[in-house]
Amino acid sequence: MIGLKLPFFDELEPARRILIAGAGGGFDVFSGLPLYFALRDSGRQVFLGNLSFSTLRPAAGRRLMPNLVEITADSLGSDSYFPEKHLCQWFRDRGDDVPIYCFERTGPRPVASAYEVLVRELKVDTVILVDGGTDSLMRGDEQGLGTPVEDVSSISAVDLLDPADVPRKLLVTLGFGIDAFHGVSHAQVLEAIAALTESGGYLGAFSLMPQMSEVRRYREATEYVLAKTESHPSIVCTSILSAIEGKFGNHQRTTRTAGSELFINPLMALYWCFRLETVARRILYLTAFRKIDGFLQAQEYIETFRDPFRSRLRPWKPIPF
């Protein structure tokens, strides 16, 4: 038997009931699908969640609490943008009813309360947050943070879960390089990974290959939902799919990126895996951020936190290759 087993898979070995949740909203849950299929195929009980950008109407589904809704293929909502419902429909078309538990886009404290309720409801022993992109690794003193409120709200919520109930809390990112679209320096992403390696929080990286059955199902599901949301296709998903297919450079798959130059490359198809607690400890503004109820207030708090040292923010820098 060949060794070289990633620490990430060692961490998952005792896991039996696993929640895979999109950290940053929108289509992030799709970046967790290869893991979902692989873990379910191995005999685990696996659930899906997502911080949602969809309008979750009263008839959208069973409410476990005001900002937590169970979405199914029968949920009522927008036909043009409801990726969670469309994904449920994809599963049902294949004879499988899979709900997706959606967190409404609020501030960090309500998101944390919703996670507590969902963990009790599902009796999970492991939570894997998935970020489409890598801006979840920014600590707060970088010039470009990407879109931090959603990611950090999710990270904060999972970090607060009682380790006696959820002994495994992990963060996985997919789509290295995509957040350049939002001003993130990927030299600083690599710096963050180096720091997490030093502190024991980095659990390895591996590629999603088109030959993998889990990846084939992920591509099929994602393309199905993208076709249902033609008016607002996901830049993250289209970029990752292009990378998996072997596209390179300025490969434009959606008109949403028209006018910008993309750099599709093989690094976008890598899963980068971390202990979530170690990622959380690096976020400079996390302590007070946790107490905020509203989304806009959370945005304002991050900007206010950064104001006193605005002139000393670490500048954007290129990867010197």
C-alpha atoms as a PDB file:
ATOM      1  CA  MET A   1       0.000   0.000   0.000  1.00  0.00           C
ATOM      2  CA  ILE A   2       1.297   3.460  -0.898  1.00  0.00           C
ATOM      3  CA  GLY A   3       1.437   5.993   1.938  1.00  0.00           C
ATOM      4  CA  LEU A   4       1.332   9.770   1.549  1.00  0.00           C
ATOM      5  CA  LYS A   5      -2.215   9.988   2.921  1.00  0.00           C
ATOM      6  CA  LEU A   6      -3.326  13.584   3.482  1.00  0.00           C
ATOM      7  CA  PRO A   7      -3.917  14.638   7.114  1.00  0.00           C
ATOM      8  CA  PHE A   8      -7.327  15.912   5.953  1.00  0.00           C
ATOM      9  CA  PHE A   9      -8.510  12.337   5.347  1.00  0.00           C
ATOM     10  CA  ASP A  10      -7.066  11.207   8.689  1.00  0.00           C
ATOM     11  CA  GLU A  11      -9.193  13.912  10.331  1.00  0.00           C
ATOM     12  CA  LEU A  12     -12.297  12.576   8.576  1.00  0.00           C
ATOM     13  CA  GLU A  13     -11.690   8.904   9.383  1.00  0.00           C
ATOM     14  CA  PRO A  14     -13.863   8.837  12.556  1.00  0.00           C
ATOM     15  CA  ALA A  15     -16.578  11.111  11.097  1.00  0.00           C
ATOM     16  CA  ARG A  16     -19.991   9.495  10.693  1.00  0.00           C
ATOM     17  CA  ARG A  17     -22.521  12.354  10.403  1.00  0.00           C
ATOM     18  CA  ILE A  18     -21.166  15.282   8.412  1.00  0.00           C
ATOM     19  CA  LEU A  19     -22.560  18.700   7.488  1.00  0.00           C
ATOM     20  CA  ILE A  20     -20.968  20.267   4.379  1.00  0.00           C
ATOM     21  CA  ALA A  21     -21.957  23.931   4.212  1.00  0.00           C
ATOM     22  CA  GLY A  22     -21.190  26.761   1.807  1.00  0.00           C
ATOM     23  CA  ALA A  23     -19.424  29.448   3.826  1.00  0.00           C
ATOM     24  CA  GLY A  24     -19.642  32.503   1.601  1.00  0.00           C
ATOM     25  CA  GLY A  25     -23.114  32.271   0.173  1.00  0.00           C
ATOM     26  CA  GLY A  26     -24.546  31.889  -3.311  1.00  0.00           C
ATOM     27  CA  PHE A  27     -23.074  28.898  -5.095  1.00  0.00           C
ATOM     28  CA  ASP A  28     -20.487  27.998  -2.409  1.00  0.00           C
ATOM     29  CA  VAL A  29     -22.315  24.778  -1.523  1.00  0.00           C
ATOM     30  CA  PHE A  30     -21.548  23.492  -5.033  1.00  0.00           C
ATOM     31  CA  SER A  31     -17.823  23.551  -4.256  1.00  0.00           C
ATOM     32  CA  GLY A  32     -18.556  20.955  -1.565  1.00  0.00           C
ATOM     33  CA  LEU A  33     -20.293  18.486  -3.887  1.00  0.00           C
ATOM     34  CA  PRO A  34     -17.219  16.369  -4.772  1.00  0.00           C
ATOM     35  CA  LEU A  35     -16.638  15.850  -1.036  1.00  0.00           C
ATOM     36  CA  TYR A  36     -20.337  15.172  -0.514  1.00  0.00           C
ATOM     37  CA  PHE A  37     -20.379  12.409  -3.115  1.00  0.00           C
ATOM     38  CA  ALA A  38     -17.101  10.882  -1.913  1.00  0.00           C
ATOM     39  CA  LEU A  39     -18.103  10.811   1.746  1.00  0.00           C
ATOM     40  CA  ARG A  40     -21.587   9.486   1.022  1.00  0.00           C
ATOM     41  CA  ASP A  41     -20.120   6.768  -1.204  1.00  0.00           C
ATOM     42  CA  SER A  42     -17.924   5.752   1.761  1.00  0.00           C
ATOM     43  CA  GLY A  43     -21.010   5.080   3.889  1.00  0.00           C
ATOM     44  CA  ARG A  44     -21.188   8.312   5.875  1.00  0.00           C
ATOM     45  CA  GLN A  45     -24.401  10.239   6.534  1.00  0.00           C
ATOM     46  CA  VAL A  46     -23.837  13.593   4.829  1.00  0.00           C
ATOM     47  CA  PHE A  47     -25.987  16.752   4.858  1.00  0.00           C
ATOM     48  CA  LEU A  48     -25.778  19.961   2.817  1.00  0.00           C
ATOM     49  CA  GLY A  49     -26.118  23.557   4.005  1.00  0.00           C
ATOM     50  CA  ASN A  50     -25.514  26.979   2.513  1.00  0.00           C
ATOM     51  CA  LEU A  51     -25.441  30.614   3.493  1.00  0.00           C
ATOM     52  CA  SER A  52     -28.029  31.686   0.956  1.00  0.00           C
ATOM     53  CA  PHE A  53     -28.345  34.693  -1.343  1.00  0.00           C
ATOM     54  CA  SER A  54     -31.808  33.488  -2.386  1.00  0.00           C
ATOM     55  CA  THR A  55     -34.999  35.174  -1.185  1.00  0.00           C
ATOM     56  CA  LEU A  56     -36.329  32.610   1.286  1.00  0.00           C
ATOM     57  CA  ARG A  57     -40.058  33.329   1.284  1.00  0.00           C
ATOM     58  CA  PRO A  58     -42.436  32.015   3.966  1.00  0.00           C
ATOM     59  CA  ALA A  59     -43.411  29.162   1.646  1.00  0.00           C
ATOM     60  CA  ALA A  60     -39.814  28.261   0.853  1.00  0.00           C
ATOM     61  CA  GLY A  61     -39.752  25.384   3.303  1.00  0.00           C
ATOM     62  CA  ARG A  62     -39.749  24.223   6.915  1.00  0.00           C
ATOM     63  CA  ARG A  63     -38.243  26.864   9.196  1.00  0.00           C
ATOM     64  CA  LEU A  64     -36.117  25.465  11.979  1.00  0.00           C
ATOM     65  CA  MET A  65     -35.712  29.028  13.239  1.00  0.00           C
ATOM     66  CA  PRO A  66     -36.367  32.458  11.683  1.00  0.00           C
ATOM     67  CA  ASN A  67     -33.158  32.497   9.616  1.00  0.00           C
ATOM     68  CA  LEU A  68     -32.794  28.759   8.928  1.00  0.00           C
ATOM     69  CA  VAL A  69     -34.904  27.059   6.248  1.00  0.00           C
ATOM     70  CA  GLU A  70     -34.966  23.502   4.911  1.00  0.00           C
ATOM     71  CA  ILE A  71     -35.091  23.778   1.113  1.00  0.00           C
ATOM     72  CA  THR A  72     -36.360  20.914  -1.042  1.00  0.00           C
ATOM     73  CA  ALA A  73     -37.275  20.360  -4.674  1.00  0.00           C
ATOM     74  CA  ASP A  74     -40.815  21.465  -3.719  1.00  0.00           C
ATOM     75  CA  SER A  75     -39.758  24.819  -2.244  1.00  0.00           C
ATOM     76  CA  LEU A  76     -41.410  27.937  -3.634  1.00  0.00           C
ATOM     77  CA  GLY A  77     -39.247  30.853  -4.708  1.00  0.00           C
ATOM     78  CA  SER A  78     -37.614  32.612  -7.620  1.00  0.00           C
ATOM     79  CA  ASP A  79     -37.247  30.563 -10.799  1.00  0.00           C
ATOM     80  CA  SER A  80     -34.360  32.736 -12.032  1.00  0.00           C
ATOM     81  CA  TYR A  81     -32.170  32.585  -8.904  1.00  0.00           C
ATOM     82  CA  PHE A  82     -32.677  29.791  -6.407  1.00  0.00           C
ATOM     83  CA  PRO A  83     -29.598  27.556  -6.813  1.00  0.00           C
ATOM     84  CA  GLU A  84     -30.334  25.516  -3.689  1.00  0.00           C
ATOM     85  CA  LYS A  85     -33.807  24.523  -4.945  1.00  0.00           C
ATOM     86  CA  HIS A  86     -32.446  23.746  -8.421  1.00  0.00           C
ATOM     87  CA  LEU A  87     -29.794  21.504  -6.873  1.00  0.00           C
ATOM     88  CA  CYS A  88     -32.520  19.696  -4.916  1.00  0.00           C
ATOM     89  CA  GLN A  89     -34.363  19.232  -8.221  1.00  0.00           C
ATOM     90  CA  TRP A  90     -31.229  17.752  -9.812  1.00  0.00           C
ATOM     91  CA  PHE A  91     -31.043  15.194  -6.998  1.00  0.00           C
ATOM     92  CA  ARG A  92     -34.755  14.361  -7.267  1.00  0.00           C
ATOM     93  CA  ASP A  93     -34.463  13.841 -11.025  1.00  0.00           C
ATOM     94  CA  ARG A  94     -32.056  11.041 -10.125  1.00  0.00           C
ATOM     95  CA  GLY A  95     -34.365   9.498  -7.539  1.00  0.00           C
ATOM     96  CA  ASP A  96     -32.731  11.083  -4.494  1.00  0.00           C
ATOM     97  CA  ASP A  97     -34.479  13.618  -2.230  1.00  0.00           C
ATOM     98  CA  VAL A  98     -31.711  15.718  -0.660  1.00  0.00           C
ATOM     99  CA  PRO A  99     -32.671  18.834   1.349  1.00  0.00           C
ATOM    100  CA  ILE A 100     -30.347  21.825   1.662  1.00  0.00           C
ATOM    101  CA  TYR A 101     -30.420  23.771   4.921  1.00  0.00           C
ATOM    102  CA  CYS A 102     -30.170  27.478   4.101  1.00  0.00           C
ATOM    103  CA  PHE A 103     -28.969  30.208   6.433  1.00  0.00           C
ATOM    104  CA  GLU A 104     -30.333  33.633   5.559  1.00  0.00           C
ATOM    105  CA  ARG A 105     -27.722  36.339   5.000  1.00  0.00           C
ATOM    106  CA  THR A 106     -27.751  38.071   8.383  1.00  0.00           C
ATOM    107  CA  GLY A 107     -25.077  39.089  10.864  1.00  0.00           C
ATOM    108  CA  PRO A 108     -22.724  36.661  12.596  1.00  0.00           C
ATOM    109  CA  ARG A 109     -24.690  36.184  15.820  1.00  0.00           C
ATOM    110  CA  PRO A 110     -27.919  34.906  14.179  1.00  0.00           C
ATOM    111  CA  VAL A 111     -25.852  32.683  11.869  1.00  0.00           C
ATOM    112  CA  ALA A 112     -24.164  31.171  14.947  1.00  0.00           C
ATOM    113  CA  SER A 113     -27.548  30.513  16.583  1.00  0.00           C
ATOM    114  CA  ALA A 114     -28.789  28.820  13.414  1.00  0.00           C
ATOM    115  CA  TYR A 115     -25.751  26.553  13.281  1.00  0.00           C
ATOM    116  CA  GLU A 116     -26.351  25.500  16.897  1.00  0.00           C
ATOM    117  CA  VAL A 117     -29.943  24.555  16.056  1.00  0.00           C
ATOM    118  CA  LEU A 118     -28.987  22.686  12.872  1.00  0.00           C
ATOM    119  CA  VAL A 119     -26.205  20.713  14.541  1.00  0.00           C
ATOM    120  CA  ARG A 120     -28.649  19.552  17.223  1.00  0.00           C
ATOM    121  CA  GLU A 121     -31.309  18.756  14.596  1.00  0.00           C
ATOM    122  CA  LEU A 122     -28.984  16.652  12.438  1.00  0.00           C
ATOM    123  CA  LYS A 123     -26.800  15.275  15.269  1.00  0.00           C
ATOM    124  CA  VAL A 124     -23.656  15.840  13.213  1.00  0.00           C
ATOM    125  CA  ASP A 125     -20.186  15.133  14.572  1.00  0.00           C
ATOM    126  CA  THR A 126     -18.311  16.992  11.816  1.00  0.00           C
ATOM    127  CA  VAL A 127     -18.783  20.296  10.007  1.00  0.00           C
ATOM    128  CA  ILE A 128     -16.918  21.121   6.803  1.00  0.00           C
ATOM    129  CA  LEU A 129     -17.242  24.702   5.611  1.00  0.00           C
ATOM    130  CA  VAL A 130     -16.525  25.149   1.907  1.00  0.00           C
ATOM    131  CA  ASP A 131     -15.409  28.423   0.354  1.00  0.00           C
ATOM    132  CA  GLY A 132     -15.577  28.943  -3.395  1.00  0.00           C
ATOM    133  CA  GLY A 133     -12.425  31.051  -3.576  1.00  0.00           C
ATOM    134  CA  THR A 134      -9.811  31.661  -0.882  1.00  0.00           C
ATOM    135  CA  ASP A 135     -10.725  35.022   0.672  1.00  0.00           C
ATOM    136  CA  SER A 136     -11.815  33.147   3.818  1.00  0.00           C
ATOM    137  CA  LEU A 137      -8.091  32.938   4.655  1.00  0.00           C
ATOM    138  CA  MET A 138      -7.627  36.708   4.913  1.00  0.00           C
ATOM    139  CA  ARG A 139      -7.021  37.894   8.486  1.00  0.00           C
ATOM    140  CA  GLY A 140      -8.128  41.525   8.127  1.00  0.00           C
ATOM    141  CA  ASP A 141      -5.000  43.637   7.664  1.00  0.00           C
ATOM    142  CA  GLU A 142      -4.638  42.941   3.947  1.00  0.00           C
ATOM    143  CA  GLN A 143      -5.515  45.718   1.526  1.00  0.00           C
ATOM    144  CA  GLY A 144      -7.915  43.411  -0.351  1.00  0.00           C
ATOM    145  CA  LEU A 145     -10.231  41.210   1.732  1.00  0.00           C
ATOM    146  CA  GLY A 146     -12.599  40.034  -0.994  1.00  0.00           C
ATOM    147  CA  THR A 147     -16.091  39.617   0.480  1.00  0.00           C
ATOM    148  CA  PRO A 148     -15.405  38.758   4.131  1.00  0.00           C
ATOM    149  CA  VAL A 149     -18.733  39.179   5.965  1.00  0.00           C
ATOM    150  CA  GLU A 150     -20.362  35.928   4.822  1.00  0.00           C
ATOM    151  CA  ASP A 151     -17.214  33.774   5.134  1.00  0.00           C
ATOM    152  CA  VAL A 152     -16.267  35.111   8.561  1.00  0.00           C
ATOM    153  CA  SER A 153     -19.853  34.858   9.846  1.00  0.00           C
ATOM    154  CA  SER A 154     -19.817  31.164   8.924  1.00  0.00           C
ATOM    155  CA  ILE A 155     -16.325  30.592  10.321  1.00  0.00           C
ATOM    156  CA  SER A 156     -17.271  32.323  13.569  1.00  0.00           C
ATOM    157  CA  ALA A 157     -20.469  30.275  13.883  1.00  0.00           C
ATOM    158  CA  VAL A 158     -18.772  26.909  13.406  1.00  0.00           C
ATOM    159  CA  ASP A 159     -15.847  27.896  15.625  1.00  0.00           C
ATOM    160  CA  LEU A 160     -18.323  28.558  18.470  1.00  0.00           C
ATOM    161  CA  LEU A 161     -19.874  25.074  18.275  1.00  0.00           C
ATOM    162  CA  ASP A 162     -19.172  22.990  21.355  1.00  0.00           C
ATOM    163  CA  PRO A 163     -16.259  20.622  20.538  1.00  0.00           C
ATOM    164  CA  ALA A 164     -17.879  18.008  22.766  1.00  0.00           C
ATOM    165  CA  ASP A 165     -20.749  17.907  20.231  1.00  0.00           C
ATOM    166  CA  VAL A 166     -18.741  18.627  17.057  1.00  0.00           C
ATOM    167  CA  PRO A 167     -15.151  17.450  17.546  1.00  0.00           C
ATOM    168  CA  ARG A 168     -14.192  18.022  13.891  1.00  0.00           C
ATOM    169  CA  LYS A 169     -14.480  21.489  12.326  1.00  0.00           C
ATOM    170  CA  LEU A 170     -12.817  21.937   8.953  1.00  0.00           C
ATOM    171  CA  LEU A 171     -12.534  24.558   6.227  1.00  0.00           C
ATOM    172  CA  VAL A 172     -11.952  23.659   2.595  1.00  0.00           C
ATOM    173  CA  THR A 173     -11.355  26.181  -0.181  1.00  0.00           C
ATOM    174  CA  LEU A 174     -11.689  25.588  -3.923  1.00  0.00           C
ATOM    175  CA  GLY A 175     -10.844  28.100  -6.636  1.00  0.00           C
ATOM    176  CA  PHE A 176      -7.380  29.512  -5.904  1.00  0.00           C
ATOM    177  CA  GLY A 177      -6.976  32.705  -7.926  1.00  0.00           C
ATOM    178  CA  ILE A 178     -10.660  33.499  -8.415  1.00  0.00           C
ATOM    179  CA  ASP A 179     -10.719  36.205  -5.742  1.00  0.00           C
ATOM    180  CA  ALA A 180      -8.319  38.361  -7.750  1.00  0.00           C
ATOM    181  CA  PHE A 181     -11.625  39.506  -9.293  1.00  0.00           C
ATOM    182  CA  HIS A 182     -12.375  41.034  -5.841  1.00  0.00           C
ATOM    183  CA  GLY A 183      -8.921  42.476  -5.170  1.00  0.00           C
ATOM    184  CA  VAL A 184      -7.372  39.641  -3.138  1.00  0.00           C
ATOM    185  CA  SER A 185      -3.603  39.170  -3.382  1.00  0.00           C
ATOM    186  CA  HIS A 186      -2.875  35.484  -3.830  1.00  0.00           C
ATOM    187  CA  ALA A 187       0.661  36.001  -2.624  1.00  0.00           C
ATOM    188  CA  GLN A 188      -1.041  36.804   0.698  1.00  0.00           C
ATOM    189  CA  VAL A 189      -3.226  33.708   0.353  1.00  0.00           C
ATOM    190  CA  LEU A 190      -0.040  31.633   0.077  1.00  0.00           C
ATOM    191  CA  GLU A 191       1.402  33.542   3.039  1.00  0.00           C
ATOM    192  CA  ALA A 192      -1.704  32.608   5.038  1.00  0.00           C
ATOM    193  CA  ILE A 193      -1.334  28.936   4.083  1.00  0.00           C
ATOM    194  CA  ALA A 194       2.314  29.050   5.170  1.00  0.00           C
ATOM    195  CA  ALA A 195       1.299  30.539   8.533  1.00  0.00           C
ATOM    196  CA  LEU A 196      -1.400  27.879   8.948  1.00  0.00           C
ATOM    197  CA  THR A 197       1.157  25.190   8.110  1.00  0.00           C
ATOM    198  CA  GLU A 198       3.457  26.549  10.809  1.00  0.00           C
ATOM    199  CA  SER A 199       0.658  26.545  13.396  1.00  0.00           C
ATOM    200  CA  GLY A 200      -0.561  23.039  12.488  1.00  0.00           C
ATOM    201  CA  GLY A 201      -3.793  24.113  10.832  1.00  0.00           C
ATOM    202  CA  TYR A 202      -3.041  23.170   7.208  1.00  0.00           C
ATOM    203  CA  LEU A 203      -4.180  19.640   6.292  1.00  0.00           C
ATOM    204  CA  GLY A 204      -3.004  19.425   2.669  1.00  0.00           C
ATOM    205  CA  ALA A 205      -4.269  19.972  -0.862  1.00  0.00           C
ATOM    206  CA  PHE A 206      -5.448  17.715  -3.670  1.00  0.00           C
ATOM    207  CA  SER A 207      -6.722  18.093  -7.230  1.00  0.00           C
ATOM    208  CA  LEU A 208     -10.175  17.482  -8.614  1.00  0.00           C
ATOM    209  CA  MET A 209      -9.650  15.492 -11.797  1.00  0.00           C
ATOM    210  CA  PRO A 210     -12.179  15.092 -14.602  1.00  0.00           C
ATOM    211  CA  GLN A 211     -11.766  11.289 -14.456  1.00  0.00           C
ATOM    212  CA  MET A 212     -13.098  11.091 -10.874  1.00  0.00           C
ATOM    213  CA  SER A 213     -16.705   9.892 -10.604  1.00  0.00           C
ATOM    214  CA  GLU A 214     -17.361  12.415  -7.816  1.00  0.00           C
ATOM    215  CA  VAL A 215     -16.124  15.207 -10.057  1.00  0.00           C
ATOM    216  CA  ARG A 216     -18.262  14.021 -12.991  1.00  0.00           C
ATOM    217  CA  ARG A 217     -21.364  14.201 -10.779  1.00  0.00           C
ATOM    218  CA  TYR A 218     -20.325  17.606  -9.442  1.00  0.00           C
ATOM    219  CA  ARG A 219     -19.902  18.942 -12.983  1.00  0.00           C
ATOM    220  CA  GLU A 220     -23.253  17.513 -14.068  1.00  0.00           C
ATOM    221  CA  ALA A 221     -25.092  19.011 -11.071  1.00  0.00           C
ATOM    222  CA  THR A 222     -23.408  22.397 -11.406  1.00  0.00           C
ATOM    223  CA  GLU A 223     -24.019  22.669 -15.153  1.00  0.00           C
ATOM    224  CA  TYR A 224     -27.675  21.732 -14.595  1.00  0.00           C
ATOM    225  CA  VAL A 225     -28.135  24.565 -12.082  1.00  0.00           C
ATOM    226  CA  LEU A 226     -26.123  27.074 -14.112  1.00  0.00           C
ATOM    227  CA  ALA A 227     -28.516  26.444 -16.996  1.00  0.00           C
ATOM    228  CA  LYS A 228     -31.397  27.291 -14.610  1.00  0.00           C
ATOM    229  CA  THR A 229     -29.751  30.575 -13.557  1.00  0.00           C
ATOM    230  CA  GLU A 230     -28.678  31.942 -16.922  1.00  0.00           C
ATOM    231  CA  SER A 231     -29.441  35.510 -15.843  1.00  0.00           C
ATOM    232  CA  HIS A 232     -26.901  35.355 -13.000  1.00  0.00           C
ATOM    233  CA  PRO A 233     -24.322  32.602 -13.574  1.00  0.00           C
ATOM    234  CA  SER A 234     -21.679  31.974 -10.931  1.00  0.00           C
ATOM    235  CA  ILE A 235     -18.222  33.317 -11.811  1.00  0.00           C
ATOM    236  CA  VAL A 236     -16.708  31.004  -9.205  1.00  0.00           C
ATOM    237  CA  CYS A 237     -18.391  27.851 -10.525  1.00  0.00           C
ATOM    238  CA  THR A 238     -17.724  28.603 -14.186  1.00  0.00           C
ATOM    239  CA  SER A 239     -14.057  29.323 -13.448  1.00  0.00           C
ATOM    240  CA  ILE A 240     -13.597  26.106 -11.446  1.00  0.00           C
ATOM    241  CA  LEU A 241     -15.337  24.017 -14.119  1.00  0.00           C
ATOM    242  CA  SER A 242     -13.085  25.569 -16.768  1.00  0.00           C
ATOM    243  CA  ALA A 243      -9.994  24.730 -14.714  1.00  0.00           C
ATOM    244  CA  ILE A 244     -11.119  21.118 -14.214  1.00  0.00           C
ATOM    245  CA  GLU A 245     -11.667  20.814 -17.968  1.00  0.00           C
ATOM    246  CA  GLY A 246      -8.086  21.949 -18.624  1.00  0.00           C
ATOM    247  CA  LYS A 247      -8.812  25.442 -19.890  1.00  0.00           C
ATOM    248  CA  PHE A 248      -6.105  28.048 -19.331  1.00  0.00           C
ATOM    249  CA  GLY A 249      -5.690  31.806 -19.291  1.00  0.00           C
ATOM    250  CA  ASN A 250      -8.390  34.252 -20.347  1.00  0.00           C
ATOM    251  CA  HIS A 251     -11.085  31.646 -20.950  1.00  0.00           C
ATOM    252  CA  GLN A 252     -14.449  33.448 -20.799  1.00  0.00           C
ATOM    253  CA  ARG A 253     -17.382  31.181 -19.950  1.00  0.00           C
ATOM    254  CA  THR A 254     -19.906  33.825 -18.913  1.00  0.00           C
ATOM    255  CA  THR A 255     -20.669  37.367 -20.048  1.00  0.00           C
ATOM    256  CA  ARG A 256     -20.467  38.475 -16.385  1.00  0.00           C
ATOM    257  CA  THR A 257     -16.669  38.539 -16.731  1.00  0.00           C
ATOM    258  CA  ALA A 258     -16.661  40.437 -20.029  1.00  0.00           C
ATOM    259  CA  GLY A 259     -14.210  43.326 -19.931  1.00  0.00           C
ATOM    260  CA  SER A 260     -11.940  41.662 -17.392  1.00  0.00           C
ATOM    261  CA  GLU A 261      -9.006  39.344 -18.034  1.00  0.00           C
ATOM    262  CA  LEU A 262      -9.254  35.970 -16.335  1.00  0.00           C
ATOM    263  CA  PHE A 263      -6.404  33.639 -15.449  1.00  0.00           C
ATOM    264  CA  ILE A 264      -7.966  30.180 -15.452  1.00  0.00           C
ATOM    265  CA  ASN A 265      -5.322  27.682 -14.307  1.00  0.00           C
ATOM    266  CA  PRO A 266      -4.880  24.243 -12.694  1.00  0.00           C
ATOM    267  CA  LEU A 267      -4.572  25.685  -9.166  1.00  0.00           C
ATOM    268  CA  MET A 268      -8.276  26.581  -9.314  1.00  0.00           C
ATOM    269  CA  ALA A 269      -9.122  22.866  -9.290  1.00  0.00           C
ATOM    270  CA  LEU A 270      -7.344  22.173  -5.977  1.00  0.00           C
ATOM    271  CA  TYR A 271      -9.009  21.625  -2.625  1.00  0.00           C
ATOM    272  CA  TRP A 272      -6.985  23.333   0.132  1.00  0.00           C
ATOM    273  CA  CYS A 273      -7.886  21.916   3.561  1.00  0.00           C
ATOM    274  CA  PHE A 274      -7.579  23.444   7.047  1.00  0.00           C
ATOM    275  CA  ARG A 275      -8.546  23.070  10.671  1.00  0.00           C
ATOM    276  CA  LEU A 276     -11.210  25.731  11.060  1.00  0.00           C
ATOM    277  CA  GLU A 277     -10.235  26.719  14.599  1.00  0.00           C
ATOM    278  CA  THR A 278      -6.732  27.632  13.434  1.00  0.00           C
ATOM    279  CA  VAL A 279      -8.122  29.779  10.622  1.00  0.00           C
ATOM    280  CA  ALA A 280     -10.456  31.523  13.088  1.00  0.00           C
ATOM    281  CA  ARG A 281      -7.586  32.373  15.481  1.00  0.00           C
ATOM    282  CA  ARG A 282      -5.889  34.401  12.707  1.00  0.00           C
ATOM    283  CA  ILE A 283      -8.859  36.734  12.095  1.00  0.00           C
ATOM    284  CA  LEU A 284      -7.894  39.966  13.807  1.00  0.00           C
ATOM    285  CA  TYR A 285     -11.392  41.397  14.293  1.00  0.00           C
ATOM    286  CA  LEU A 286     -13.282  38.222  15.217  1.00  0.00           C
ATOM    287  CA  THR A 287     -14.003  38.790  18.938  1.00  0.00           C
ATOM    288  CA  ALA A 288     -16.253  41.848  18.608  1.00  0.00           C
ATOM    289  CA  PHE A 289     -17.524  40.793  15.162  1.00  0.00           C
ATOM    290  CA  ARG A 290     -19.207  37.725  16.685  1.00  0.00           C
ATOM    291  CA  LYS A 291     -21.659  39.908  18.643  1.00  0.00           C
ATOM    292  CA  ILE A 292     -23.187  41.700  15.630  1.00  0.00           C
ATOM    293  CA  ASP A 293     -26.757  40.905  14.539  1.00  0.00           C
ATOM    294  CA  GLY A 294     -27.103  42.610  11.145  1.00  0.00           C
ATOM    295  CA  PHE A 295     -25.333  42.054   7.843  1.00  0.00           C
ATOM    296  CA  LEU A 296     -24.814  45.759   7.080  1.00  0.00           C
ATOM    297  CA  GLN A 297     -23.604  46.390  10.631  1.00  0.00           C
ATOM    298  CA  ALA A 298     -21.073  43.584  10.181  1.00  0.00           C
ATOM    299  CA  GLN A 299     -19.830  45.190   6.963  1.00  0.00           C
ATOM    300  CA  GLU A 300     -19.520  48.546   8.685  1.00  0.00           C
ATOM    301  CA  TYR A 301     -17.702  47.026  11.648  1.00  0.00           C
ATOM    302  CA  ILE A 302     -14.964  45.536   9.464  1.00  0.00           C
ATOM    303  CA  GLU A 303     -14.392  48.904   7.791  1.00  0.00           C
ATOM    304  CA  THR A 304     -14.384  50.683  11.151  1.00  0.00           C
ATOM    305  CA  PHE A 305     -11.914  48.153  12.532  1.00  0.00           C
ATOM    306  CA  ARG A 306      -9.569  48.812   9.611  1.00  0.00           C
ATOM    307  CA  ASP A 307      -9.792  52.631   9.737  1.00  0.00           C
ATOM    308  CA  PRO A 308      -7.149  53.312  12.435  1.00  0.00           C
ATOM    309  CA  PHE A 309      -4.419  51.494  10.513  1.00  0.00           C
ATOM    310  CA  ARG A 310      -5.656  52.162   6.969  1.00  0.00           C
ATOM    311  CA  SER A 311      -2.252  53.581   5.980  1.00  0.00           C
ATOM    312  CA  ARG A 312      -0.540  50.471   7.354  1.00  0.00           C
ATOM    313  CA  LEU A 313      -2.633  47.821   5.618  1.00  0.00           C
ATOM    314  CA  ARG A 314      -0.449  45.258   3.936  1.00  0.00           C
ATOM    315  CA  PRO A 315      -0.443  46.258   0.254  1.00  0.00           C
ATOM    316  CA  TRP A 316      -1.547  44.023  -2.580  1.00  0.00           C
ATOM    317  CA  LYS A 317       1.423  42.215  -4.090  1.00  0.00           C
ATOM    318  CA  PRO A 318       1.861  39.816  -7.006  1.00  0.00           C
ATOM    319  CA  ILE A 319       3.253  36.303  -6.807  1.00  0.00           C
ATOM    320  CA  PRO A 320       6.894  36.806  -7.891  1.00  0.00           C
ATOM    321  CA  PHE A 321       7.180  33.832 -10.240  1.00  0.00           C
END
